[in-house]
């Protein structure tokens, strides 16, 4: 009798595990967001320290245009860019870039983002550099890290993709859908 119940419990557990998709809502939200008008027209300023990577930075930024909620509008020396990208020679070990985000006062609305590449960024191939920039922009838009190997927001390593994947885009939709 005990074997019958144990088999039933194990069978139900296996059914639940197989029926429940492992990547459902794998995206994570950091709790902040850009105003929708700014997200649809975000501006990037590339500091002279990062000029050598201008094409890579723009490709990484524009990769988010795949989302109907985001759009790169311009680059250059704007009065108030939403993203400023700089390059540092500082060695941060396995950390090749970071995104620092500031919000307005105590709100969750993003005021500005500063993306900084570090020494390890230089050694990456072009695709991994582009993926890194796209990843850091994802943080600026409000996405956190995930364990899903098929998402730009992967916490460690590279996906081999230079554009946000379905999970990343679903995360953006979850953040920006309904924001006025």
N, C-alpha and C. Protein backbone atom coordinates (compact mmCIF):
# COMPACT_ATOMS: atom_id res chain seq x y z
N UNK A 1 0.82 -1.19 0.00
CA UNK A 1 0.00 0.00 0.00
C UNK A 1 0.87 1.26 0.00
N UNK A 2 1.93 1.26 0.83
CA UNK A 2 2.82 2.42 0.89
C UNK A 2 3.51 2.64 -0.45
N UNK A 3 3.90 1.56 -1.12
CA UNK A 3 4.55 1.69 -2.42
C UNK A 3 3.62 2.32 -3.44
N UNK A 4 2.34 1.99 -3.36
CA UNK A 4 1.36 2.53 -4.29
C UNK A 4 1.25 4.05 -4.10
N UNK A 5 1.16 4.51 -2.85
CA UNK A 5 1.07 5.94 -2.58
C UNK A 5 2.36 6.66 -2.93
N UNK A 6 3.48 6.03 -2.63
CA UNK A 6 4.78 6.63 -2.97
C UNK A 6 4.91 6.77 -4.48
N UNK A 7 4.50 5.75 -5.22
CA UNK A 7 4.55 5.82 -6.68
C UNK A 7 3.63 6.91 -7.20
N UNK A 8 2.45 7.05 -6.59
CA UNK A 8 1.51 8.09 -6.99
C UNK A 8 2.08 9.48 -6.73
N UNK A 9 2.69 9.68 -5.58
CA UNK A 9 3.28 10.98 -5.23
C UNK A 9 4.44 11.31 -6.18
N UNK A 10 5.30 10.35 -6.43
CA UNK A 10 6.43 10.58 -7.34
C UNK A 10 5.91 10.86 -8.75
N UNK A 11 4.90 10.13 -9.18
CA UNK A 11 4.32 10.35 -10.50
C UNK A 11 3.72 11.74 -10.64
N UNK A 12 2.99 12.19 -9.63
CA UNK A 12 2.41 13.54 -9.66
C UNK A 12 3.50 14.61 -9.64
N UNK A 13 4.53 14.38 -8.85
CA UNK A 13 5.64 15.34 -8.80
C UNK A 13 6.32 15.45 -10.16
N UNK A 14 6.55 14.32 -10.81
CA UNK A 14 7.19 14.33 -12.13
C UNK A 14 6.28 15.02 -13.15
N UNK A 15 4.99 14.76 -13.08
CA UNK A 15 4.04 15.39 -13.98
C UNK A 15 4.07 16.91 -13.81
N UNK A 16 4.09 17.36 -12.57
CA UNK A 16 4.14 18.80 -12.29
C UNK A 16 5.43 19.41 -12.83
N UNK A 17 6.55 18.75 -12.60
CA UNK A 17 7.85 19.26 -13.06
C UNK A 17 7.88 19.34 -14.58
N UNK A 18 7.39 18.33 -15.26
CA UNK A 18 7.41 18.32 -16.72
C UNK A 18 6.38 19.26 -17.33
N UNK A 19 5.26 19.45 -16.66
CA UNK A 19 4.20 20.30 -17.20
C UNK A 19 4.47 21.78 -16.97
N UNK A 20 5.22 22.11 -15.95
CA UNK A 20 5.48 23.52 -15.62
C UNK A 20 6.71 23.98 -16.39
N UNK A 21 6.60 24.97 -17.28
CA UNK A 21 7.75 25.42 -18.05
C UNK A 21 8.83 26.01 -17.15
N UNK A 22 10.05 25.61 -17.38
CA UNK A 22 11.15 26.03 -16.51
C UNK A 22 11.55 27.48 -16.71
N UNK A 23 11.20 28.07 -17.84
CA UNK A 23 11.62 29.45 -18.08
C UNK A 23 10.47 30.44 -18.02
N UNK A 24 9.34 30.04 -17.48
CA UNK A 24 8.21 30.97 -17.38
C UNK A 24 8.58 32.10 -16.44
N UNK A 25 8.46 33.32 -16.94
CA UNK A 25 8.77 34.51 -16.16
C UNK A 25 10.16 34.42 -15.51
N UNK A 26 11.14 34.01 -16.26
CA UNK A 26 12.50 33.93 -15.72
C UNK A 26 13.09 35.32 -15.51
N UNK A 27 12.56 36.32 -16.21
CA UNK A 27 13.09 37.67 -16.06
C UNK A 27 12.89 38.16 -14.63
N UNK A 28 13.76 39.06 -14.22
CA UNK A 28 13.59 39.70 -12.91
C UNK A 28 13.58 41.20 -13.11
N UNK A 29 12.81 41.88 -12.26
CA UNK A 29 12.70 43.33 -12.33
C UNK A 29 13.47 43.93 -11.16
N UNK A 30 14.17 45.03 -11.42
CA UNK A 30 14.94 45.70 -10.38
C UNK A 30 14.10 46.69 -9.58
N UNK A 31 12.92 47.02 -10.06
CA UNK A 31 12.03 47.90 -9.32
C UNK A 31 12.04 49.35 -9.77
N UNK A 32 12.77 49.64 -10.84
CA UNK A 32 12.73 50.99 -11.38
C UNK A 32 12.49 50.92 -12.88
N UNK A 33 12.16 52.08 -13.46
CA UNK A 33 11.82 52.13 -14.88
C UNK A 33 12.03 53.55 -15.38
N UNK A 34 12.14 53.68 -16.69
CA UNK A 34 12.23 55.00 -17.31
C UNK A 34 10.81 55.48 -17.61
N UNK A 35 10.63 56.78 -17.66
CA UNK A 35 9.34 57.32 -18.11
C UNK A 35 9.13 56.78 -19.52
N UNK A 36 7.90 56.45 -19.87
CA UNK A 36 7.62 55.81 -21.15
C UNK A 36 8.07 56.67 -22.33
N UNK A 37 7.88 57.98 -22.25
CA UNK A 37 8.31 58.86 -23.34
C UNK A 37 9.83 58.82 -23.50
N UNK A 38 10.56 58.68 -22.40
CA UNK A 38 12.02 58.60 -22.47
C UNK A 38 12.47 57.23 -22.95
N UNK A 39 11.79 56.19 -22.51
CA UNK A 39 12.14 54.84 -22.96
C UNK A 39 11.94 54.69 -24.46
N UNK A 40 10.91 55.36 -24.99
CA UNK A 40 10.62 55.29 -26.42
C UNK A 40 11.56 56.17 -27.23
N UNK A 41 12.31 57.04 -26.59
CA UNK A 41 13.21 57.96 -27.28
C UNK A 41 14.50 58.15 -26.48
N UNK A 42 15.11 57.05 -26.04
CA UNK A 42 16.26 57.23 -25.15
C UNK A 42 17.50 57.68 -25.90
N UNK A 43 18.30 58.50 -25.22
CA UNK A 43 19.50 59.09 -25.80
C UNK A 43 20.74 58.52 -25.12
N UNK A 44 21.79 58.35 -25.90
CA UNK A 44 23.06 57.84 -25.41
C UNK A 44 24.16 58.85 -25.68
N UNK A 45 24.99 59.08 -24.69
CA UNK A 45 26.20 59.87 -24.89
C UNK A 45 27.39 58.96 -24.68
N UNK A 46 28.31 58.92 -25.64
CA UNK A 46 29.51 58.10 -25.55
C UNK A 46 30.67 59.02 -25.19
N UNK A 47 31.21 58.82 -23.98
CA UNK A 47 32.36 59.62 -23.54
C UNK A 47 33.56 59.36 -24.45
N UNK A 48 34.46 60.33 -24.57
CA UNK A 48 35.65 60.12 -25.39
C UNK A 48 36.43 58.86 -24.99
N UNK A 49 36.39 58.47 -23.73
CA UNK A 49 37.11 57.27 -23.28
C UNK A 49 36.58 56.00 -23.95
N UNK A 50 35.35 56.03 -24.44
CA UNK A 50 34.72 54.85 -25.04
C UNK A 50 34.51 55.00 -26.55
N UNK A 51 35.02 56.06 -27.14
CA UNK A 51 34.79 56.33 -28.58
C UNK A 51 35.24 55.17 -29.47
N UNK A 52 36.28 54.45 -29.07
CA UNK A 52 36.78 53.34 -29.89
C UNK A 52 35.72 52.25 -30.05
N UNK A 53 34.75 52.22 -29.14
CA UNK A 53 33.71 51.20 -29.16
C UNK A 53 32.35 51.76 -29.60
N UNK A 54 32.35 52.91 -30.24
CA UNK A 54 31.09 53.58 -30.61
C UNK A 54 30.13 52.67 -31.37
N UNK A 55 30.61 51.98 -32.39
CA UNK A 55 29.73 51.11 -33.19
C UNK A 55 29.16 49.98 -32.34
N UNK A 56 29.99 49.40 -31.48
CA UNK A 56 29.54 48.32 -30.60
C UNK A 56 28.50 48.84 -29.62
N UNK A 57 28.76 50.00 -29.04
CA UNK A 57 27.82 50.60 -28.08
C UNK A 57 26.48 50.87 -28.75
N UNK A 58 26.52 51.45 -29.93
CA UNK A 58 25.26 51.75 -30.63
C UNK A 58 24.51 50.49 -31.01
N UNK A 59 25.24 49.45 -31.45
CA UNK A 59 24.58 48.18 -31.78
C UNK A 59 23.93 47.56 -30.55
N UNK A 60 24.64 47.61 -29.41
CA UNK A 60 24.08 47.07 -28.17
C UNK A 60 22.85 47.85 -27.73
N UNK A 61 22.92 49.18 -27.84
CA UNK A 61 21.78 50.03 -27.45
C UNK A 61 20.60 49.79 -28.38
N UNK A 62 20.86 49.78 -29.67
CA UNK A 62 19.79 49.63 -30.65
C UNK A 62 19.18 48.23 -30.66
N UNK A 63 19.89 47.27 -30.08
CA UNK A 63 19.33 45.92 -30.04
C UNK A 63 18.01 45.88 -29.27
N UNK A 64 17.82 46.83 -28.36
CA UNK A 64 16.57 46.90 -27.59
C UNK A 64 15.41 47.47 -28.40
N UNK A 65 15.69 47.97 -29.59
CA UNK A 65 14.62 48.48 -30.45
C UNK A 65 13.66 47.36 -30.87
N UNK A 66 14.05 46.11 -30.63
CA UNK A 66 13.17 44.98 -30.92
C UNK A 66 11.92 45.03 -30.04
N UNK A 67 11.99 45.76 -28.94
CA UNK A 67 10.83 45.92 -28.07
C UNK A 67 10.01 47.12 -28.50
N UNK A 68 8.70 46.99 -28.56
CA UNK A 68 7.87 48.15 -28.92
C UNK A 68 7.85 49.22 -27.83
N UNK A 69 8.42 48.91 -26.67
CA UNK A 69 8.42 49.86 -25.55
C UNK A 69 9.69 50.71 -25.50
N UNK A 70 10.70 50.35 -26.30
CA UNK A 70 11.99 51.04 -26.25
C UNK A 70 12.42 51.45 -27.65
N UNK A 71 13.17 52.55 -27.73
CA UNK A 71 13.71 52.98 -29.02
C UNK A 71 14.86 53.95 -28.82
N UNK A 72 15.99 53.66 -29.47
CA UNK A 72 17.12 54.57 -29.46
C UNK A 72 16.79 55.73 -30.38
N UNK A 73 16.86 56.93 -29.86
CA UNK A 73 16.56 58.10 -30.67
C UNK A 73 17.83 58.76 -31.19
N UNK A 74 18.77 59.00 -30.31
CA UNK A 74 19.93 59.77 -30.75
C UNK A 74 21.16 59.48 -29.91
N UNK A 75 22.27 59.93 -30.44
CA UNK A 75 23.54 59.89 -29.72
C UNK A 75 24.16 61.28 -29.84
N UNK A 76 25.18 61.49 -29.08
CA UNK A 76 25.86 62.78 -29.15
C UNK A 76 25.92 63.44 -27.81
N UNK A 77 26.22 64.69 -27.80
CA UNK A 77 26.40 65.42 -26.56
C UNK A 77 25.11 66.15 -26.20
N UNK A 78 24.11 65.38 -25.85
CA UNK A 78 22.83 65.96 -25.48
C UNK A 78 22.90 66.54 -24.07
N UNK A 79 22.04 67.47 -23.79
CA UNK A 79 22.01 68.09 -22.47
C UNK A 79 21.69 67.07 -21.39
N UNK A 80 20.81 66.13 -21.68
CA UNK A 80 20.39 65.15 -20.68
C UNK A 80 20.29 63.75 -21.28
N UNK A 81 21.42 63.09 -21.55
CA UNK A 81 21.32 61.74 -22.09
C UNK A 81 20.78 60.78 -21.03
N UNK A 82 20.08 59.76 -21.45
CA UNK A 82 19.54 58.76 -20.53
C UNK A 82 20.61 57.74 -20.18
N UNK A 83 21.56 57.55 -21.09
CA UNK A 83 22.69 56.64 -20.87
C UNK A 83 23.98 57.37 -21.23
N UNK A 84 24.95 57.30 -20.35
CA UNK A 84 26.30 57.78 -20.64
C UNK A 84 27.20 56.55 -20.57
N UNK A 85 28.00 56.34 -21.60
CA UNK A 85 28.88 55.17 -21.64
C UNK A 85 30.33 55.63 -21.60
N UNK A 86 31.09 55.06 -20.66
CA UNK A 86 32.50 55.39 -20.48
C UNK A 86 33.31 54.11 -20.44
N UNK A 87 34.60 54.25 -20.63
CA UNK A 87 35.50 53.11 -20.55
C UNK A 87 36.57 53.41 -19.50
N UNK A 88 36.85 52.42 -18.67
CA UNK A 88 37.85 52.57 -17.61
C UNK A 88 38.93 51.51 -17.79
N UNK A 89 40.14 51.83 -17.43
CA UNK A 89 41.24 50.86 -17.50
C UNK A 89 41.33 50.05 -16.21
N UNK A 90 40.43 50.32 -15.28
CA UNK A 90 40.43 49.62 -14.00
C UNK A 90 40.16 48.13 -14.20
N UNK A 91 40.91 47.30 -13.50
CA UNK A 91 40.74 45.85 -13.59
C UNK A 91 39.76 45.41 -12.51
N UNK A 92 38.60 44.92 -12.92
CA UNK A 92 37.58 44.45 -11.98
C UNK A 92 37.44 42.93 -12.06
N UNK A 93 38.50 42.26 -12.51
CA UNK A 93 38.46 40.80 -12.62
C UNK A 93 37.48 40.35 -13.67
N UNK A 94 36.55 39.49 -13.27
CA UNK A 94 35.58 38.95 -14.24
C UNK A 94 34.45 39.93 -14.57
N UNK A 95 34.38 41.05 -13.87
CA UNK A 95 33.37 42.07 -14.18
C UNK A 95 33.91 42.93 -15.31
N UNK A 96 33.27 42.86 -16.46
CA UNK A 96 33.77 43.59 -17.63
C UNK A 96 33.02 44.90 -17.86
N UNK A 97 31.87 45.09 -17.20
CA UNK A 97 31.11 46.33 -17.33
C UNK A 97 30.09 46.41 -16.20
N UNK A 98 29.60 47.62 -15.98
CA UNK A 98 28.54 47.80 -14.98
C UNK A 98 27.63 48.94 -15.41
N UNK A 99 26.45 48.96 -14.84
CA UNK A 99 25.49 50.04 -15.09
C UNK A 99 25.07 50.59 -13.73
N UNK A 100 25.31 51.87 -13.53
CA UNK A 100 24.86 52.55 -12.32
C UNK A 100 23.64 53.38 -12.69
N UNK A 101 22.58 53.20 -11.95
CA UNK A 101 21.31 53.87 -12.24
C UNK A 101 20.93 54.80 -11.10
N UNK A 102 20.54 56.01 -11.46
CA UNK A 102 20.05 56.99 -10.49
C UNK A 102 18.58 57.22 -10.76
N UNK A 103 17.81 57.37 -9.70
CA UNK A 103 16.39 57.66 -9.83
C UNK A 103 16.11 59.05 -9.26
N UNK A 104 14.95 59.58 -9.62
CA UNK A 104 14.53 60.89 -9.10
C UNK A 104 14.10 60.73 -7.65
N UNK A 105 14.83 61.35 -6.74
CA UNK A 105 14.46 61.33 -5.32
C UNK A 105 14.17 59.94 -4.81
N UNK A 106 13.02 59.79 -4.21
CA UNK A 106 12.63 58.49 -3.65
C UNK A 106 11.71 57.72 -4.59
N UNK A 107 11.61 58.16 -5.84
CA UNK A 107 10.74 57.47 -6.80
C UNK A 107 11.46 56.28 -7.42
N UNK A 108 10.75 55.56 -8.25
CA UNK A 108 11.32 54.44 -9.01
C UNK A 108 11.61 54.84 -10.44
N UNK A 109 11.50 56.12 -10.75
CA UNK A 109 11.69 56.61 -12.11
C UNK A 109 13.16 56.93 -12.35
N UNK A 110 13.71 56.35 -13.40
CA UNK A 110 15.13 56.52 -13.73
C UNK A 110 15.41 57.95 -14.17
N UNK A 111 16.44 58.55 -13.56
CA UNK A 111 16.90 59.88 -13.96
C UNK A 111 18.02 59.76 -14.98
N UNK A 112 18.96 58.83 -14.73
CA UNK A 112 20.06 58.61 -15.67
C UNK A 112 20.74 57.29 -15.38
N UNK A 113 21.47 56.81 -16.38
CA UNK A 113 22.25 55.57 -16.27
C UNK A 113 23.67 55.86 -16.72
N UNK A 114 24.63 55.27 -16.02
CA UNK A 114 26.02 55.36 -16.45
C UNK A 114 26.56 53.94 -16.62
N UNK A 115 26.89 53.61 -17.86
CA UNK A 115 27.47 52.32 -18.18
C UNK A 115 28.98 52.52 -18.27
N UNK A 116 29.72 51.67 -17.56
CA UNK A 116 31.19 51.75 -17.58
C UNK A 116 31.74 50.39 -17.98
N UNK A 117 32.63 50.38 -18.97
CA UNK A 117 33.33 49.15 -19.32
C UNK A 117 34.67 49.17 -18.60
N UNK A 118 35.16 47.98 -18.23
CA UNK A 118 36.42 47.87 -17.50
C UNK A 118 37.47 47.14 -18.35
N UNK A 119 38.63 46.94 -17.78
CA UNK A 119 39.79 46.38 -18.50
C UNK A 119 39.45 45.08 -19.24
N UNK A 120 38.71 44.19 -18.61
CA UNK A 120 38.37 42.90 -19.22
C UNK A 120 37.54 43.01 -20.48
N UNK A 121 36.85 44.11 -20.66
CA UNK A 121 36.01 44.34 -21.84
C UNK A 121 36.85 44.34 -23.11
N UNK A 122 38.04 44.88 -23.03
CA UNK A 122 38.93 45.02 -24.19
C UNK A 122 39.22 43.67 -24.84
N UNK A 123 39.38 42.63 -24.04
CA UNK A 123 39.77 41.31 -24.55
C UNK A 123 38.60 40.52 -25.16
N UNK A 124 37.39 40.99 -24.98
CA UNK A 124 36.23 40.27 -25.51
C UNK A 124 36.15 40.39 -27.03
N UNK A 125 35.53 39.38 -27.67
CA UNK A 125 35.30 39.50 -29.11
C UNK A 125 34.13 40.47 -29.33
N UNK A 126 33.93 40.87 -30.57
CA UNK A 126 32.92 41.89 -30.89
C UNK A 126 31.53 41.47 -30.43
N UNK A 127 31.15 40.21 -30.66
CA UNK A 127 29.82 39.76 -30.24
C UNK A 127 29.64 39.83 -28.73
N UNK A 128 30.65 39.40 -27.97
CA UNK A 128 30.55 39.45 -26.52
C UNK A 128 30.54 40.89 -26.00
N UNK A 129 31.25 41.78 -26.68
CA UNK A 129 31.20 43.21 -26.31
C UNK A 129 29.80 43.76 -26.54
N UNK A 130 29.22 43.44 -27.69
CA UNK A 130 27.87 43.92 -28.01
C UNK A 130 26.86 43.35 -27.02
N UNK A 131 26.97 42.06 -26.72
CA UNK A 131 26.08 41.43 -25.75
C UNK A 131 26.22 42.09 -24.38
N UNK A 132 27.45 42.42 -24.00
CA UNK A 132 27.70 43.07 -22.71
C UNK A 132 27.01 44.43 -22.64
N UNK A 133 27.14 45.22 -23.70
CA UNK A 133 26.49 46.54 -23.72
C UNK A 133 24.97 46.38 -23.66
N UNK A 134 24.42 45.45 -24.44
CA UNK A 134 22.97 45.21 -24.40
C UNK A 134 22.54 44.79 -23.00
N UNK A 135 23.33 43.95 -22.36
CA UNK A 135 23.05 43.49 -20.99
C UNK A 135 23.01 44.67 -20.02
N UNK A 136 24.00 45.54 -20.10
CA UNK A 136 24.05 46.70 -19.19
C UNK A 136 22.89 47.66 -19.44
N UNK A 137 22.52 47.84 -20.69
CA UNK A 137 21.35 48.67 -21.00
C UNK A 137 20.09 48.03 -20.41
N UNK A 138 20.03 46.70 -20.43
CA UNK A 138 18.90 46.01 -19.80
C UNK A 138 18.74 46.40 -18.34
N UNK A 139 19.88 46.49 -17.62
CA UNK A 139 19.82 46.95 -16.23
C UNK A 139 19.26 48.37 -16.17
N UNK A 140 19.71 49.23 -17.07
CA UNK A 140 19.23 50.61 -17.08
C UNK A 140 17.74 50.71 -17.33
N UNK A 141 17.19 49.74 -18.05
CA UNK A 141 15.75 49.73 -18.32
C UNK A 141 14.96 49.08 -17.18
N UNK A 142 15.67 48.49 -16.22
CA UNK A 142 15.01 47.92 -15.05
C UNK A 142 15.05 46.42 -14.92
N UNK A 143 15.81 45.73 -15.77
CA UNK A 143 15.90 44.27 -15.69
C UNK A 143 17.04 43.83 -14.78
N UNK A 144 16.81 42.75 -14.05
CA UNK A 144 17.84 42.16 -13.21
C UNK A 144 18.44 40.93 -13.88
N UNK A 145 19.31 40.25 -13.15
CA UNK A 145 19.96 39.04 -13.67
C UNK A 145 19.01 37.85 -13.63
N UNK A 146 19.27 36.91 -14.53
CA UNK A 146 18.54 35.65 -14.56
C UNK A 146 19.53 34.50 -14.72
N UNK A 147 19.06 33.30 -14.45
CA UNK A 147 19.88 32.10 -14.64
C UNK A 147 19.63 31.47 -16.01
N UNK A 148 18.57 31.91 -16.69
CA UNK A 148 18.21 31.35 -17.99
C UNK A 148 19.35 31.56 -18.99
N UNK A 149 19.84 30.48 -19.55
CA UNK A 149 20.99 30.54 -20.46
C UNK A 149 20.65 31.18 -21.80
N UNK A 150 19.38 31.44 -22.05
CA UNK A 150 18.97 31.99 -23.33
C UNK A 150 18.53 33.45 -23.22
N UNK A 151 19.01 34.16 -22.21
CA UNK A 151 18.61 35.55 -22.01
C UNK A 151 19.84 36.45 -21.95
N UNK A 152 19.75 37.62 -22.55
CA UNK A 152 20.83 38.61 -22.49
C UNK A 152 21.15 38.97 -21.04
N UNK A 153 20.16 38.88 -20.16
CA UNK A 153 20.35 39.25 -18.76
C UNK A 153 20.92 38.11 -17.92
N UNK A 154 21.51 37.12 -18.58
CA UNK A 154 22.20 36.01 -17.92
C UNK A 154 23.18 36.57 -16.89
N UNK A 155 23.19 35.97 -15.69
CA UNK A 155 24.01 36.52 -14.61
C UNK A 155 25.51 36.33 -14.81
N UNK A 156 25.92 35.22 -15.38
CA UNK A 156 27.35 34.95 -15.58
C UNK A 156 27.55 34.33 -16.96
N UNK A 157 28.55 34.81 -17.68
CA UNK A 157 28.87 34.24 -18.98
C UNK A 157 28.15 34.94 -20.12
N UNK A 158 28.17 34.29 -21.26
CA UNK A 158 27.61 34.87 -22.48
C UNK A 158 26.64 33.90 -23.14
N UNK A 159 25.65 34.43 -23.81
CA UNK A 159 24.66 33.60 -24.51
C UNK A 159 25.08 33.33 -25.95
N UNK A 160 25.97 34.15 -26.47
CA UNK A 160 26.33 34.05 -27.88
C UNK A 160 25.35 34.83 -28.75
N UNK A 161 24.44 35.55 -28.13
CA UNK A 161 23.45 36.36 -28.86
C UNK A 161 23.78 37.83 -28.64
N UNK A 162 23.53 38.65 -29.64
CA UNK A 162 23.82 40.08 -29.49
C UNK A 162 22.55 40.91 -29.35
N UNK A 163 21.41 40.23 -29.28
CA UNK A 163 20.13 40.93 -29.15
C UNK A 163 19.34 40.33 -28.00
N UNK A 164 18.48 41.13 -27.38
CA UNK A 164 17.62 40.60 -26.33
C UNK A 164 16.78 39.44 -26.86
N UNK A 165 16.60 38.45 -26.01
CA UNK A 165 15.82 37.27 -26.37
C UNK A 165 14.40 37.39 -25.81
N UNK A 166 13.58 36.39 -26.07
CA UNK A 166 12.17 36.43 -25.68
C UNK A 166 11.99 36.75 -24.20
N UNK A 167 12.79 36.12 -23.34
CA UNK A 167 12.66 36.37 -21.90
C UNK A 167 12.96 37.83 -21.56
N UNK A 168 14.00 38.37 -22.18
CA UNK A 168 14.37 39.77 -21.94
C UNK A 168 13.23 40.70 -22.38
N UNK A 169 12.69 40.43 -23.55
CA UNK A 169 11.61 41.27 -24.09
C UNK A 169 10.33 41.13 -23.27
N UNK A 170 10.09 39.93 -22.74
CA UNK A 170 8.93 39.75 -21.86
C UNK A 170 9.11 40.54 -20.57
N UNK A 171 10.35 40.62 -20.08
CA UNK A 171 10.63 41.42 -18.89
C UNK A 171 10.37 42.89 -19.13
N UNK A 172 10.81 43.38 -20.29
CA UNK A 172 10.56 44.79 -20.65
C UNK A 172 9.06 45.04 -20.75
N UNK A 173 8.35 44.12 -21.36
CA UNK A 173 6.89 44.27 -21.48
C UNK A 173 6.25 44.32 -20.09
N UNK A 174 6.70 43.45 -19.19
CA UNK A 174 6.14 43.42 -17.84
C UNK A 174 6.39 44.73 -17.09
N UNK A 175 7.52 45.36 -17.37
CA UNK A 175 7.84 46.63 -16.70
C UNK A 175 7.08 47.78 -17.32
N UNK A 176 7.08 47.86 -18.65
CA UNK A 176 6.60 49.07 -19.33
C UNK A 176 5.15 49.02 -19.81
N UNK A 177 4.56 47.85 -19.90
CA UNK A 177 3.17 47.78 -20.34
C UNK A 177 2.28 48.43 -19.28
N UNK A 178 1.52 49.39 -19.67
CA UNK A 178 0.62 50.05 -18.73
C UNK A 178 1.17 51.32 -18.11
N UNK A 179 2.49 51.57 -18.26
CA UNK A 179 3.04 52.83 -17.74
C UNK A 179 2.61 53.95 -18.68
N UNK A 180 2.19 55.02 -18.12
CA UNK A 180 1.74 56.17 -18.93
C UNK A 180 2.86 57.17 -19.07
